[in-house]
Amino acid sequence: MTRVAAIDCGTNSIRLLVADADPVTGQLVDLDRRMTIVRLGQGVDRTGRLAPEALERTFAACREYAEVIERHGAERVRFVATSASRDAENRDEFVRGVVDILGVEPEVISGDQEAEFSFTGATRELTGRADFDKPFLVVDIGGGSTEFVVGEDRVRAARSVDVGCVRMTERHLVRDGVVSDPPAEDQIAAIRADVEAALDLAEETVPLRAAHTLVGLAGSVTSVSAIAQDLPEYDSERIHHSRVSRDRVREITTRLLHSTHAERAEIPSLHPGRVDVIGAGALVLLAIMERVGAEEVVVSEHDILDGIAWSVAEEAERDEKTD
C-alpha cells in the first residue's frame, strides 16, 4: 500500500482524499475525504481573473488540507486544478499560493486529462460487474465545465465543454449582481440553449448515444440523488451507486428552477454552497439524459479525485520498480 493525497480544485469546490492505494489489487482505502465550497471560479467567466476573495477562500482550505496531509503522513501529494484556474489570466498568483502552503505545484490539466481521471475514478470498481453494462458514458458536471467520456476498460473518446453549474448560473441567472429568485423562463431557456450547443460539440468527438450505462459525477449529480431519496442529510453511502430515473431528474429540476433561494435552502441534504447553482446543475444533467436517451443515471461518489489518487499510486509503483 502507498499512502497518497489527492487534491482536486475545481470551479466551485476544492476536495481532498488521503488514501492507502494498491494498484496491484485495485484496493483504495479512504483515510480522509473532505470537500470545501470555495467558489474559486467566482466572476471568472465575466472578468477572466480569479477574484482576491476567491483566492483567499481557496488558500484557507489549502492550509486546512496541509494539516490533514501531514497528520496522516501521506508519502505523495498531487494537486490538480481544473476549469477556473485554466481560464484565468492571473493563475500564476494561484500557483504561487498553493506552492507556499502545500509544497507542491498545482497541475492545471487539460479537459482531456480531467476526463481520463474522472473515468478511471468512476469506473474502476464497476468493471467486471454484471449489473453495469459497457460501454460507460461518464459525465462529470463541474462548476465551470462538463466532461464526457466513453469507454469500456479504458477511455475510447473524451471531450470537455464549457458548461457547468456555476458558469451557467453566473452567465444566465444573475441580474444586477443577484441570482434570480426564481429564474424567469427566458433565463432557463438560455441555459438550455447553451447546454444543447455544448452537447452538439461533444458529439462531434464522443459517441454519447453508444453507451449502455450513464455514470454521473460531482456535486450537482450527487445532490440530485440526495433530493430524489429525500435524505434527511447528505449520506455518501446511500448516494454512491444509487440510480435516479430520468423522470425523477426532470421532476426535481423543475422543482429547483421554480423555487426560491429560501425554499432550496430548506432542503436538508443540500450543501449551502450549492443552493444558488443546483438548479442550473440539475438542468445540465437532465439535458444530457434526454440527449443520450438514458432512462437512468448511476450516481458515483468516486470520480476525478479517486482517479488522481490512482495516478499517484501508479507513479509510485513505477518509481519503485525503476529503483
C-alpha atoms as a PDB file:
ATOM      1  CA  MET A   1       0.000   0.000   0.000  1.00  0.00           C
ATOM      2  CA  THR A   2       1.114   3.543  -0.775  1.00  0.00           C
ATOM      3  CA  ARG A   3      -0.357   6.388   1.265  1.00  0.00           C
ATOM      4  CA  VAL A   4      -1.290   9.161  -1.143  1.00  0.00           C
ATOM      5  CA  ALA A   5      -3.040  12.516  -1.049  1.00  0.00           C
ATOM      6  CA  ALA A   6      -5.080  13.815  -3.973  1.00  0.00           C
ATOM      7  CA  ILE A   7      -6.483  17.327  -4.238  1.00  0.00           C
ATOM      8  CA  ASP A   8      -8.995  18.364  -6.872  1.00  0.00           C
ATOM      9  CA  CYS A   9      -9.512  22.111  -7.128  1.00  0.00           C
ATOM     10  CA  GLY A  10     -12.461  22.955  -9.343  1.00  0.00           C
ATOM     11  CA  THR A  11     -14.546  25.986 -10.106  1.00  0.00           C
ATOM     12  CA  ASN A  12     -16.914  25.613  -7.161  1.00  0.00           C
ATOM     13  CA  SER A  13     -15.195  23.359  -4.644  1.00  0.00           C
ATOM     14  CA  ILE A  14     -11.839  22.002  -3.521  1.00  0.00           C
ATOM     15  CA  ARG A  15     -11.637  18.406  -2.323  1.00  0.00           C
ATOM     16  CA  LEU A  16      -9.084  16.233  -0.571  1.00  0.00           C
ATOM     17  CA  LEU A  17      -8.646  12.468  -0.486  1.00  0.00           C
ATOM     18  CA  VAL A  18      -5.996  10.792   1.651  1.00  0.00           C
ATOM     19  CA  ALA A  19      -5.978   7.049   0.985  1.00  0.00           C
ATOM     20  CA  ASP A  20      -3.950   3.851   1.022  1.00  0.00           C
ATOM     21  CA  ALA A  21      -3.778   2.535  -2.525  1.00  0.00           C
ATOM     22  CA  ASP A  22      -2.577  -0.738  -4.032  1.00  0.00           C
ATOM     23  CA  PRO A  23      -2.552  -0.714  -7.855  1.00  0.00           C
ATOM     24  CA  VAL A  24      -1.901  -4.473  -7.951  1.00  0.00           C
ATOM     25  CA  THR A  25      -5.066  -5.468  -6.064  1.00  0.00           C
ATOM     26  CA  GLY A  26      -7.118  -2.436  -7.100  1.00  0.00           C
ATOM     27  CA  GLN A  27      -7.771  -1.578  -3.474  1.00  0.00           C
ATOM     28  CA  LEU A  28      -8.247   2.064  -2.456  1.00  0.00           C
ATOM     29  CA  VAL A  29      -8.922   2.619   1.252  1.00  0.00           C
ATOM     30  CA  ASP A  30     -10.109   6.077   2.292  1.00  0.00           C
ATOM     31  CA  LEU A  31      -8.482   7.641   5.337  1.00  0.00           C
ATOM     32  CA  ASP A  32      -9.880  11.146   4.919  1.00  0.00           C
ATOM     33  CA  ARG A  33     -12.202  12.552   2.258  1.00  0.00           C
ATOM     34  CA  ARG A  34     -13.499  16.104   2.522  1.00  0.00           C
ATOM     35  CA  MET A  35     -14.868  18.946   0.456  1.00  0.00           C
ATOM     36  CA  THR A  36     -14.968  22.726   0.884  1.00  0.00           C
ATOM     37  CA  ILE A  37     -17.008  25.132  -1.219  1.00  0.00           C
ATOM     38  CA  VAL A  38     -14.602  27.956  -2.161  1.00  0.00           C
ATOM     39  CA  ARG A  39     -16.170  29.246  -5.419  1.00  0.00           C
ATOM     40  CA  LEU A  40     -12.732  29.787  -6.981  1.00  0.00           C
ATOM     41  CA  GLY A  41     -14.443  30.498 -10.285  1.00  0.00           C
ATOM     42  CA  GLN A  42     -16.354  33.492  -8.912  1.00  0.00           C
ATOM     43  CA  GLY A  43     -16.610  36.008 -11.761  1.00  0.00           C
ATOM     44  CA  VAL A  44     -14.024  34.297 -13.998  1.00  0.00           C
ATOM     45  CA  ASP A  45     -16.463  33.942 -16.895  1.00  0.00           C
ATOM     46  CA  ARG A  46     -17.032  37.733 -16.794  1.00  0.00           C
ATOM     47  CA  THR A  47     -13.610  39.138 -15.792  1.00  0.00           C
ATOM     48  CA  GLY A  48     -11.146  36.476 -16.913  1.00  0.00           C
ATOM     49  CA  ARG A  49      -9.430  36.717 -13.500  1.00  0.00           C
ATOM     50  CA  LEU A  50      -9.538  34.913 -10.154  1.00  0.00           C
ATOM     51  CA  ALA A  51     -11.069  37.255  -7.576  1.00  0.00           C
ATOM     52  CA  PRO A  52      -8.909  38.103  -4.496  1.00  0.00           C
ATOM     53  CA  GLU A  53     -11.591  36.864  -2.086  1.00  0.00           C
ATOM     54  CA  ALA A  54     -11.959  33.613  -4.064  1.00  0.00           C
ATOM     55  CA  LEU A  55      -8.200  33.042  -3.864  1.00  0.00           C
ATOM     56  CA  GLU A  56      -8.198  33.643  -0.119  1.00  0.00           C
ATOM     57  CA  ARG A  57     -11.056  31.174   0.435  1.00  0.00           C
ATOM     58  CA  THR A  58      -9.123  28.597  -1.569  1.00  0.00           C
ATOM     59  CA  PHE A  59      -5.853  29.230   0.268  1.00  0.00           C
ATOM     60  CA  ALA A  60      -7.650  28.874   3.624  1.00  0.00           C
ATOM     61  CA  ALA A  61      -8.890  25.440   2.555  1.00  0.00           C
ATOM     62  CA  CYS A  62      -5.364  24.536   1.385  1.00  0.00           C
ATOM     63  CA  ARG A  63      -3.970  25.389   4.832  1.00  0.00           C
ATOM     64  CA  GLU A  64      -6.532  23.074   6.426  1.00  0.00           C
ATOM     65  CA  TYR A  65      -5.714  20.301   3.950  1.00  0.00           C
ATOM     66  CA  ALA A  66      -1.967  20.679   4.571  1.00  0.00           C
ATOM     67  CA  GLU A  67      -2.562  19.874   8.242  1.00  0.00           C
ATOM     68  CA  VAL A  68      -4.636  16.794   7.354  1.00  0.00           C
ATOM     69  CA  ILE A  69      -1.993  15.511   4.924  1.00  0.00           C
ATOM     70  CA  GLU A  70       0.766  15.951   7.495  1.00  0.00           C
ATOM     71  CA  ARG A  71      -1.280  14.266  10.212  1.00  0.00           C
ATOM     72  CA  HIS A  72      -1.864  11.170   8.064  1.00  0.00           C
ATOM     73  CA  GLY A  73       1.699  11.076   6.768  1.00  0.00           C
ATOM     74  CA  ALA A  74       0.902  10.845   3.063  1.00  0.00           C
ATOM     75  CA  GLU A  75       4.001   9.874   1.079  1.00  0.00           C
ATOM     76  CA  ARG A  76       2.999  11.623  -2.142  1.00  0.00           C
ATOM     77  CA  VAL A  77       0.696  14.525  -2.956  1.00  0.00           C
ATOM     78  CA  ARG A  78      -0.822  15.553  -6.260  1.00  0.00           C
ATOM     79  CA  PHE A  79      -2.804  18.774  -6.699  1.00  0.00           C
ATOM     80  CA  VAL A  80      -4.911  19.051  -9.836  1.00  0.00           C
ATOM     81  CA  ALA A  81      -6.619  22.293 -10.820  1.00  0.00           C
ATOM     82  CA  THR A  82      -9.369  22.362 -13.391  1.00  0.00           C
ATOM     83  CA  SER A  83     -11.589  24.784 -15.280  1.00  0.00           C
ATOM     84  CA  ALA A  84     -11.429  28.089 -13.359  1.00  0.00           C
ATOM     85  CA  SER A  85      -7.658  28.215 -12.993  1.00  0.00           C
ATOM     86  CA  ARG A  86      -7.253  27.051 -16.577  1.00  0.00           C
ATOM     87  CA  ASP A  87      -9.189  30.088 -17.793  1.00  0.00           C
ATOM     88  CA  ALA A  88      -7.778  32.796 -15.504  1.00  0.00           C
ATOM     89  CA  GLU A  89      -5.251  35.461 -16.530  1.00  0.00           C
ATOM     90  CA  ASN A  90      -3.768  35.601 -13.005  1.00  0.00           C
ATOM     91  CA  ARG A  91      -3.389  31.853 -12.479  1.00  0.00           C
ATOM     92  CA  ASP A  92       0.304  32.389 -11.571  1.00  0.00           C
ATOM     93  CA  GLU A  93      -0.865  34.027  -8.350  1.00  0.00           C
ATOM     94  CA  PHE A  94      -2.915  30.928  -7.601  1.00  0.00           C
ATOM     95  CA  VAL A  95       0.043  28.628  -8.323  1.00  0.00           C
ATOM     96  CA  ARG A  96       2.406  30.564  -6.039  1.00  0.00           C
ATOM     97  CA  GLY A  97      -0.075  30.473  -3.174  1.00  0.00           C
ATOM     98  CA  VAL A  98      -0.593  26.721  -3.414  1.00  0.00           C
ATOM     99  CA  VAL A  99       3.163  26.026  -3.573  1.00  0.00           C
ATOM    100  CA  ASP A 100       3.758  28.184  -0.487  1.00  0.00           C
ATOM    101  CA  ILE A 101       1.114  26.310   1.516  1.00  0.00           C
ATOM    102  CA  LEU A 102       1.361  22.705   0.302  1.00  0.00           C
ATOM    103  CA  GLY A 103       4.821  22.495  -1.207  1.00  0.00           C
ATOM    104  CA  VAL A 104       3.506  21.074  -4.483  1.00  0.00           C
ATOM    105  CA  GLU A 105       2.709  22.860  -7.701  1.00  0.00           C
ATOM    106  CA  PRO A 106      -0.880  22.616  -8.908  1.00  0.00           C
ATOM    107  CA  GLU A 107      -1.158  20.966 -12.285  1.00  0.00           C
ATOM    108  CA  VAL A 108      -3.553  22.929 -14.438  1.00  0.00           C
ATOM    109  CA  ILE A 109      -4.679  19.982 -16.512  1.00  0.00           C
ATOM    110  CA  SER A 110      -6.420  19.926 -19.853  1.00  0.00           C
ATOM    111  CA  GLY A 111     -10.039  18.942 -20.235  1.00  0.00           C
ATOM    112  CA  ASP A 112      -8.941  15.646 -21.796  1.00  0.00           C
ATOM    113  CA  GLN A 113      -6.747  14.817 -18.782  1.00  0.00           C
ATOM    114  CA  GLU A 114      -9.599  15.752 -16.488  1.00  0.00           C
ATOM    115  CA  ALA A 115     -11.827  13.335 -18.377  1.00  0.00           C
ATOM    116  CA  GLU A 116      -9.295  10.489 -18.082  1.00  0.00           C
ATOM    117  CA  PHE A 117      -9.067  10.908 -14.305  1.00  0.00           C
ATOM    118  CA  SER A 118     -12.856  11.085 -13.950  1.00  0.00           C
ATOM    119  CA  PHE A 119     -13.357   7.920 -15.987  1.00  0.00           C
ATOM    120  CA  THR A 120     -10.773   5.945 -14.016  1.00  0.00           C
ATOM    121  CA  GLY A 121     -12.142   7.085 -10.672  1.00  0.00           C
ATOM    122  CA  ALA A 122     -15.751   6.351 -11.573  1.00  0.00           C
ATOM    123  CA  THR A 123     -15.450   3.025 -13.398  1.00  0.00           C
ATOM    124  CA  ARG A 124     -12.539   1.153 -11.824  1.00  0.00           C
ATOM    125  CA  GLU A 125     -14.848  -0.569  -9.322  1.00  0.00           C
ATOM    126  CA  LEU A 126     -17.670  -1.109 -11.874  1.00  0.00           C
ATOM    127  CA  THR A 127     -15.588  -3.043 -14.388  1.00  0.00           C
ATOM    128  CA  GLY A 128     -16.445  -6.727 -14.266  1.00  0.00           C
ATOM    129  CA  ARG A 129     -19.786  -6.280 -12.506  1.00  0.00           C
ATOM    130  CA  ALA A 130     -22.688  -7.898 -14.335  1.00  0.00           C
ATOM    131  CA  ASP A 131     -25.219  -5.224 -13.316  1.00  0.00           C
ATOM    132  CA  PHE A 132     -23.380  -2.449 -15.178  1.00  0.00           C
ATOM    133  CA  ASP A 133     -23.303  -2.837 -18.960  1.00  0.00           C
ATOM    134  CA  LYS A 134     -20.438  -1.465 -21.035  1.00  0.00           C
ATOM    135  CA  PRO A 135     -19.618   0.852 -22.627  1.00  0.00           C
ATOM    136  CA  PHE A 136     -19.879   3.519 -19.938  1.00  0.00           C
ATOM    137  CA  LEU A 137     -20.606   7.190 -20.517  1.00  0.00           C
ATOM    138  CA  VAL A 138     -19.103   9.099 -17.596  1.00  0.00           C
ATOM    139  CA  VAL A 139     -20.400  12.648 -17.209  1.00  0.00           C
ATOM    140  CA  ASP A 140     -18.654  14.944 -14.731  1.00  0.00           C
ATOM    141  CA  ILE A 141     -20.734  18.102 -14.250  1.00  0.00           C
ATOM    142  CA  GLY A 142     -18.450  20.608 -12.596  1.00  0.00           C
ATOM    143  CA  GLY A 143     -18.750  24.277 -11.797  1.00  0.00           C
ATOM    144  CA  GLY A 144     -17.171  25.613 -14.985  1.00  0.00           C
ATOM    145  CA  SER A 145     -17.094  22.675 -17.374  1.00  0.00           C
ATOM    146  CA  THR A 146     -18.571  19.251 -18.050  1.00  0.00           C
ATOM    147  CA  GLU A 147     -16.513  16.264 -19.148  1.00  0.00           C
ATOM    148  CA  PHE A 148     -17.904  13.474 -21.323  1.00  0.00           C
ATOM    149  CA  VAL A 149     -16.000  10.190 -21.504  1.00  0.00           C
ATOM    150  CA  VAL A 150     -16.997   6.985 -23.280  1.00  0.00           C
ATOM    151  CA  GLY A 151     -15.111   3.749 -22.753  1.00  0.00           C
ATOM    152  CA  GLU A 152     -15.064   0.161 -21.622  1.00  0.00           C
ATOM    153  CA  ASP A 153     -11.990  -0.679 -19.527  1.00  0.00           C
ATOM    154  CA  ARG A 154     -10.173   2.320 -20.959  1.00  0.00           C
ATOM    155  CA  VAL A 155     -11.186   5.650 -22.443  1.00  0.00           C
ATOM    156  CA  ARG A 156     -12.373   5.455 -26.040  1.00  0.00           C
ATOM    157  CA  ALA A 157     -13.211   9.134 -26.534  1.00  0.00           C
ATOM    158  CA  ALA A 158     -13.450  12.232 -24.335  1.00  0.00           C
ATOM    159  CA  ARG A 159     -14.441  15.874 -24.604  1.00  0.00           C
ATOM    160  CA  SER A 160     -14.655  18.789 -22.173  1.00  0.00           C
ATOM    161  CA  VAL A 161     -17.146  21.585 -22.815  1.00  0.00           C
ATOM    162  CA  ASP A 162     -17.600  24.905 -21.035  1.00  0.00           C
ATOM    163  CA  VAL A 163     -20.936  24.385 -19.337  1.00  0.00           C
ATOM    164  CA  GLY A 164     -21.153  23.887 -15.584  1.00  0.00           C
ATOM    165  CA  CYS A 165     -23.437  24.845 -12.712  1.00  0.00           C
ATOM    166  CA  VAL A 166     -21.506  27.982 -11.689  1.00  0.00           C
ATOM    167  CA  ARG A 167     -20.772  29.176 -15.226  1.00  0.00           C
ATOM    168  CA  MET A 168     -24.408  28.747 -16.323  1.00  0.00           C
ATOM    169  CA  THR A 169     -25.723  30.415 -13.161  1.00  0.00           C
ATOM    170  CA  GLU A 170     -23.417  33.423 -13.479  1.00  0.00           C
ATOM    171  CA  ARG A 171     -23.954  33.743 -17.223  1.00  0.00           C
ATOM    172  CA  HIS A 172     -27.747  33.456 -17.297  1.00  0.00           C
ATOM    173  CA  LEU A 173     -29.321  33.643 -13.845  1.00  0.00           C
ATOM    174  CA  VAL A 174     -27.610  36.708 -12.383  1.00  0.00           C
ATOM    175  CA  ARG A 175     -29.231  40.097 -12.929  1.00  0.00           C
ATOM    176  CA  ASP A 176     -27.913  43.269 -11.295  1.00  0.00           C
ATOM    177  CA  GLY A 177     -25.473  41.162  -9.316  1.00  0.00           C
ATOM    178  CA  VAL A 178     -28.160  38.963  -7.757  1.00  0.00           C
ATOM    179  CA  VAL A 179     -29.243  35.413  -8.641  1.00  0.00           C
ATOM    180  CA  SER A 180     -32.830  35.467  -9.921  1.00  0.00           C
ATOM    181  CA  ASP A 181     -35.210  34.088  -7.332  1.00  0.00           C
ATOM    182  CA  PRO A 182     -36.691  32.111  -9.005  1.00  0.00           C
ATOM    183  CA  PRO A 183     -35.312  32.454 -12.563  1.00  0.00           C
ATOM    184  CA  ALA A 184     -37.523  33.580 -15.436  1.00  0.00           C
ATOM    185  CA  GLU A 185     -38.425  31.217 -18.258  1.00  0.00           C
ATOM    186  CA  ASP A 186     -36.182  33.061 -20.740  1.00  0.00           C
ATOM    187  CA  GLN A 187     -33.201  32.588 -18.388  1.00  0.00           C
ATOM    188  CA  ILE A 188     -33.899  28.855 -18.125  1.00  0.00           C
ATOM    189  CA  ALA A 189     -34.233  28.645 -21.905  1.00  0.00           C
ATOM    190  CA  ALA A 190     -30.870  30.392 -22.328  1.00  0.00           C
ATOM    191  CA  ILE A 191     -29.155  27.789 -20.148  1.00  0.00           C
ATOM    192  CA  ARG A 192     -30.818  25.002 -22.097  1.00  0.00           C
ATOM    193  CA  ALA A 193     -29.648  26.505 -25.392  1.00  0.00           C
ATOM    194  CA  ASP A 194     -26.050  26.694 -24.144  1.00  0.00           C
ATOM    195  CA  VAL A 195     -26.160  23.084 -22.948  1.00  0.00           C
ATOM    196  CA  GLU A 196     -27.646  21.835 -26.228  1.00  0.00           C
ATOM    197  CA  ALA A 197     -24.895  23.636 -28.167  1.00  0.00           C
ATOM    198  CA  ALA A 198     -22.282  22.074 -25.881  1.00  0.00           C
ATOM    199  CA  LEU A 199     -23.800  18.623 -26.442  1.00  0.00           C
ATOM    200  CA  ASP A 200     -23.576  19.176 -30.206  1.00  0.00           C
ATOM    201  CA  LEU A 201     -19.891  19.987 -29.716  1.00  0.00           C
ATOM    202  CA  ALA A 202     -19.289  16.929 -27.530  1.00  0.00           C
ATOM    203  CA  GLU A 203     -20.990  14.629 -30.040  1.00  0.00           C
ATOM    204  CA  GLU A 204     -18.518  15.669 -32.719  1.00  0.00           C
ATOM    205  CA  THR A 205     -15.867  13.515 -30.998  1.00  0.00           C
ATOM    206  CA  VAL A 206     -17.655  11.396 -28.370  1.00  0.00           C
ATOM    207  CA  PRO A 207     -20.328   8.805 -29.311  1.00  0.00           C
ATOM    208  CA  LEU A 208     -22.639   9.806 -26.459  1.00  0.00           C
ATOM    209  CA  ARG A 209     -25.518   7.579 -27.561  1.00  0.00           C
ATOM    210  CA  ALA A 210     -23.355   4.454 -27.885  1.00  0.00           C
ATOM    211  CA  ALA A 211     -23.103   3.954 -24.118  1.00  0.00           C
ATOM    212  CA  HIS A 212     -25.207   1.442 -22.190  1.00  0.00           C
ATOM    213  CA  THR A 213     -24.616   2.881 -18.696  1.00  0.00           C
ATOM    214  CA  LEU A 214     -24.642   6.588 -17.828  1.00  0.00           C
ATOM    215  CA  VAL A 215     -22.498   7.364 -14.775  1.00  0.00           C
ATOM    216  CA  GLY A 216     -22.922  10.828 -13.256  1.00  0.00           C
ATOM    217  CA  LEU A 217     -20.297  12.534 -11.103  1.00  0.00           C
ATOM    218  CA  ALA A 218     -19.802  15.614  -8.940  1.00  0.00           C
ATOM    219  CA  GLY A 219     -21.936  17.756  -6.665  1.00  0.00           C
ATOM    220  CA  SER A 220     -24.841  18.578  -8.949  1.00  0.00           C
ATOM    221  CA  VAL A 221     -25.488  14.891  -9.656  1.00  0.00           C
ATOM    222  CA  THR A 222     -24.958  13.658  -6.094  1.00  0.00           C
ATOM    223  CA  SER A 223     -27.199  16.447  -4.785  1.00  0.00           C
ATOM    224  CA  VAL A 224     -29.980  15.423  -7.189  1.00  0.00           C
ATOM    225  CA  SER A 225     -29.656  11.847  -5.883  1.00  0.00           C
ATOM    226  CA  ALA A 226     -29.895  13.033  -2.277  1.00  0.00           C
ATOM    227  CA  ILE A 227     -33.037  15.026  -3.114  1.00  0.00           C
ATOM    228  CA  ALA A 228     -34.510  12.083  -5.049  1.00  0.00           C
ATOM    229  CA  GLN A 229     -34.065   9.865  -1.997  1.00  0.00           C
ATOM    230  CA  ASP A 230     -35.434  12.578   0.310  1.00  0.00           C
ATOM    231  CA  LEU A 231     -32.429  12.114   2.597  1.00  0.00           C
ATOM    232  CA  PRO A 232     -32.561  13.929   5.952  1.00  0.00           C
ATOM    233  CA  GLU A 233     -28.888  14.798   5.461  1.00  0.00           C
ATOM    234  CA  TYR A 234     -26.200  14.194   2.874  1.00  0.00           C
ATOM    235  CA  ASP A 235     -25.237  10.498   3.081  1.00  0.00           C
ATOM    236  CA  SER A 236     -22.386   9.372   0.807  1.00  0.00           C
ATOM    237  CA  GLU A 237     -23.032   5.670   1.342  1.00  0.00           C
ATOM    238  CA  ARG A 238     -26.665   5.917   0.239  1.00  0.00           C
ATOM    239  CA  ILE A 239     -25.794   8.167  -2.689  1.00  0.00           C
ATOM    240  CA  HIS A 240     -22.900   6.095  -4.063  1.00  0.00           C
ATOM    241  CA  HIS A 241     -24.174   3.840  -6.873  1.00  0.00           C
ATOM    242  CA  SER A 242     -27.765   4.967  -6.385  1.00  0.00           C
ATOM    243  CA  ARG A 243     -29.862   5.178  -9.542  1.00  0.00           C
ATOM    244  CA  VAL A 244     -32.148   8.062 -10.449  1.00  0.00           C
ATOM    245  CA  SER A 245     -34.639   7.823 -13.299  1.00  0.00           C
ATOM    246  CA  ARG A 246     -34.893  10.454 -15.997  1.00  0.00           C
ATOM    247  CA  ASP A 247     -38.476  11.250 -14.978  1.00  0.00           C
ATOM    248  CA  ARG A 248     -37.343  11.846 -11.392  1.00  0.00           C
ATOM    249  CA  VAL A 249     -34.483  14.078 -12.564  1.00  0.00           C
ATOM    250  CA  ARG A 250     -36.974  16.087 -14.667  1.00  0.00           C
ATOM    251  CA  GLU A 251     -39.314  16.461 -11.693  1.00  0.00           C
ATOM    252  CA  ILE A 252     -36.502  17.629  -9.387  1.00  0.00           C
ATOM    253  CA  THR A 253     -35.083  20.016 -11.986  1.00  0.00           C
ATOM    254  CA  THR A 254     -38.476  21.655 -12.472  1.00  0.00           C
ATOM    255  CA  ARG A 255     -38.900  21.996  -8.724  1.00  0.00           C
ATOM    256  CA  LEU A 256     -35.447  23.548  -8.241  1.00  0.00           C
ATOM    257  CA  LEU A 257     -35.780  26.010 -11.121  1.00  0.00           C
ATOM    258  CA  HIS A 258     -39.158  27.248  -9.897  1.00  0.00           C
ATOM    259  CA  SER A 259     -38.263  27.583  -6.219  1.00  0.00           C
ATOM    260  CA  THR A 260     -36.823  30.498  -4.277  1.00  0.00           C
ATOM    261  CA  HIS A 261     -33.447  30.627  -2.580  1.00  0.00           C
ATOM    262  CA  ALA A 262     -35.168  30.187   0.793  1.00  0.00           C
ATOM    263  CA  GLU A 263     -37.081  27.115  -0.405  1.00  0.00           C
ATOM    264  CA  ARG A 264     -33.940  25.471  -1.799  1.00  0.00           C
ATOM    265  CA  ALA A 265     -32.021  26.306   1.379  1.00  0.00           C
ATOM    266  CA  GLU A 266     -34.568  24.271   3.350  1.00  0.00           C
ATOM    267  CA  ILE A 267     -33.601  21.057   1.520  1.00  0.00           C
ATOM    268  CA  PRO A 268     -31.742  19.248   4.350  1.00  0.00           C
ATOM    269  CA  SER A 269     -29.309  17.294   2.145  1.00  0.00           C
ATOM    270  CA  LEU A 270     -28.242  20.293   0.035  1.00  0.00           C
ATOM    271  CA  HIS A 271     -24.920  21.948   0.872  1.00  0.00           C
ATOM    272  CA  PRO A 272     -25.380  25.710   1.463  1.00  0.00           C
ATOM    273  CA  GLY A 273     -22.757  26.432  -1.186  1.00  0.00           C
ATOM    274  CA  ARG A 274     -24.905  24.722  -3.841  1.00  0.00           C
ATOM    275  CA  VAL A 275     -28.210  26.463  -3.119  1.00  0.00           C
ATOM    276  CA  ASP A 276     -27.801  29.066  -5.878  1.00  0.00           C
ATOM    277  CA  VAL A 277     -26.236  26.781  -8.509  1.00  0.00           C
ATOM    278  CA  ILE A 278     -28.092  23.470  -8.127  1.00  0.00           C
ATOM    279  CA  GLY A 279     -30.919  24.466 -10.499  1.00  0.00           C
ATOM    280  CA  ALA A 280     -28.512  25.030 -13.371  1.00  0.00           C
ATOM    281  CA  GLY A 281     -26.576  21.857 -12.499  1.00  0.00           C
ATOM    282  CA  ALA A 282     -29.738  19.738 -12.482  1.00  0.00           C
ATOM    283  CA  LEU A 283     -30.770  21.194 -15.843  1.00  0.00           C
ATOM    284  CA  VAL A 284     -27.397  20.225 -17.340  1.00  0.00           C
ATOM    285  CA  LEU A 285     -27.933  16.650 -16.105  1.00  0.00           C
ATOM    286  CA  LEU A 286     -31.480  16.495 -17.470  1.00  0.00           C
ATOM    287  CA  ALA A 287     -30.444  17.796 -20.890  1.00  0.00           C
ATOM    288  CA  ILE A 288     -27.716  15.156 -21.096  1.00  0.00           C
ATOM    289  CA  MET A 289     -30.091  12.323 -20.156  1.00  0.00           C
ATOM    290  CA  GLU A 290     -32.622  13.459 -22.736  1.00  0.00           C
ATOM    291  CA  ARG A 291     -29.987  13.796 -25.453  1.00  0.00           C
ATOM    292  CA  VAL A 292     -28.483  10.325 -24.935  1.00  0.00           C
ATOM    293  CA  GLY A 293     -31.791   8.609 -24.178  1.00  0.00           C
ATOM    294  CA  ALA A 294     -30.684   7.390 -20.747  1.00  0.00           C
ATOM    295  CA  GLU A 295     -33.552   6.021 -18.674  1.00  0.00           C
ATOM    296  CA  GLU A 296     -31.488   6.449 -15.505  1.00  0.00           C
ATOM    297  CA  VAL A 297     -28.194   7.771 -14.191  1.00  0.00           C
ATOM    298  CA  VAL A 298     -25.915   5.748 -11.923  1.00  0.00           C
ATOM    299  CA  VAL A 299     -24.560   8.201  -9.348  1.00  0.00           C
ATOM    300  CA  SER A 300     -20.943   7.814  -8.243  1.00  0.00           C
ATOM    301  CA  GLU A 301     -19.175   9.399  -5.299  1.00  0.00           C
ATOM    302  CA  HIS A 302     -15.915   8.167  -6.820  1.00  0.00           C
ATOM    303  CA  ASP A 303     -14.723  10.498  -9.505  1.00  0.00           C
ATOM    304  CA  ILE A 304     -11.762  12.620 -10.587  1.00  0.00           C
ATOM    305  CA  LEU A 305     -10.429  12.681  -7.019  1.00  0.00           C
ATOM    306  CA  ASP A 306     -10.125   8.887  -6.983  1.00  0.00           C
ATOM    307  CA  GLY A 307      -8.583   8.958 -10.456  1.00  0.00           C
ATOM    308  CA  ILE A 308      -5.940  11.397  -9.224  1.00  0.00           C
ATOM    309  CA  ALA A 309      -5.209   9.164  -6.227  1.00  0.00           C
ATOM    310  CA  TRP A 310      -4.769   6.149  -8.516  1.00  0.00           C
ATOM    311  CA  SER A 311      -2.389   8.115 -10.746  1.00  0.00           C
ATOM    312  CA  VAL A 312      -0.215   8.950  -7.717  1.00  0.00           C
ATOM    313  CA  ALA A 313      -0.157   5.337  -6.539  1.00  0.00           C
ATOM    314  CA  GLU A 314       0.686   4.012 -10.008  1.00  0.00           C
ATOM    315  CA  GLU A 315       3.502   6.546 -10.363  1.00  0.00           C
ATOM    316  CA  ALA A 316       4.903   5.406  -7.000  1.00  0.00           C
ATOM    317  CA  GLU A 317       4.737   1.784  -8.155  1.00  0.00           C
ATOM    318  CA  ARG A 318       6.604   2.606 -11.385  1.00  0.00           C
ATOM    319  CA  ASP A 319       9.270   4.518  -9.466  1.00  0.00           C
ATOM    320  CA  GLU A 320       9.719   1.594  -7.086  1.00  0.00           C
ATOM    321  CA  LYS A 321      10.225  -0.840  -9.969  1.00  0.00           C
ATOM    322  CA  THR A 322      12.713   1.537 -11.593  1.00  0.00           C
ATOM    323  CA  ASP A 323      14.698   1.784  -8.361  1.00  0.00           C
END
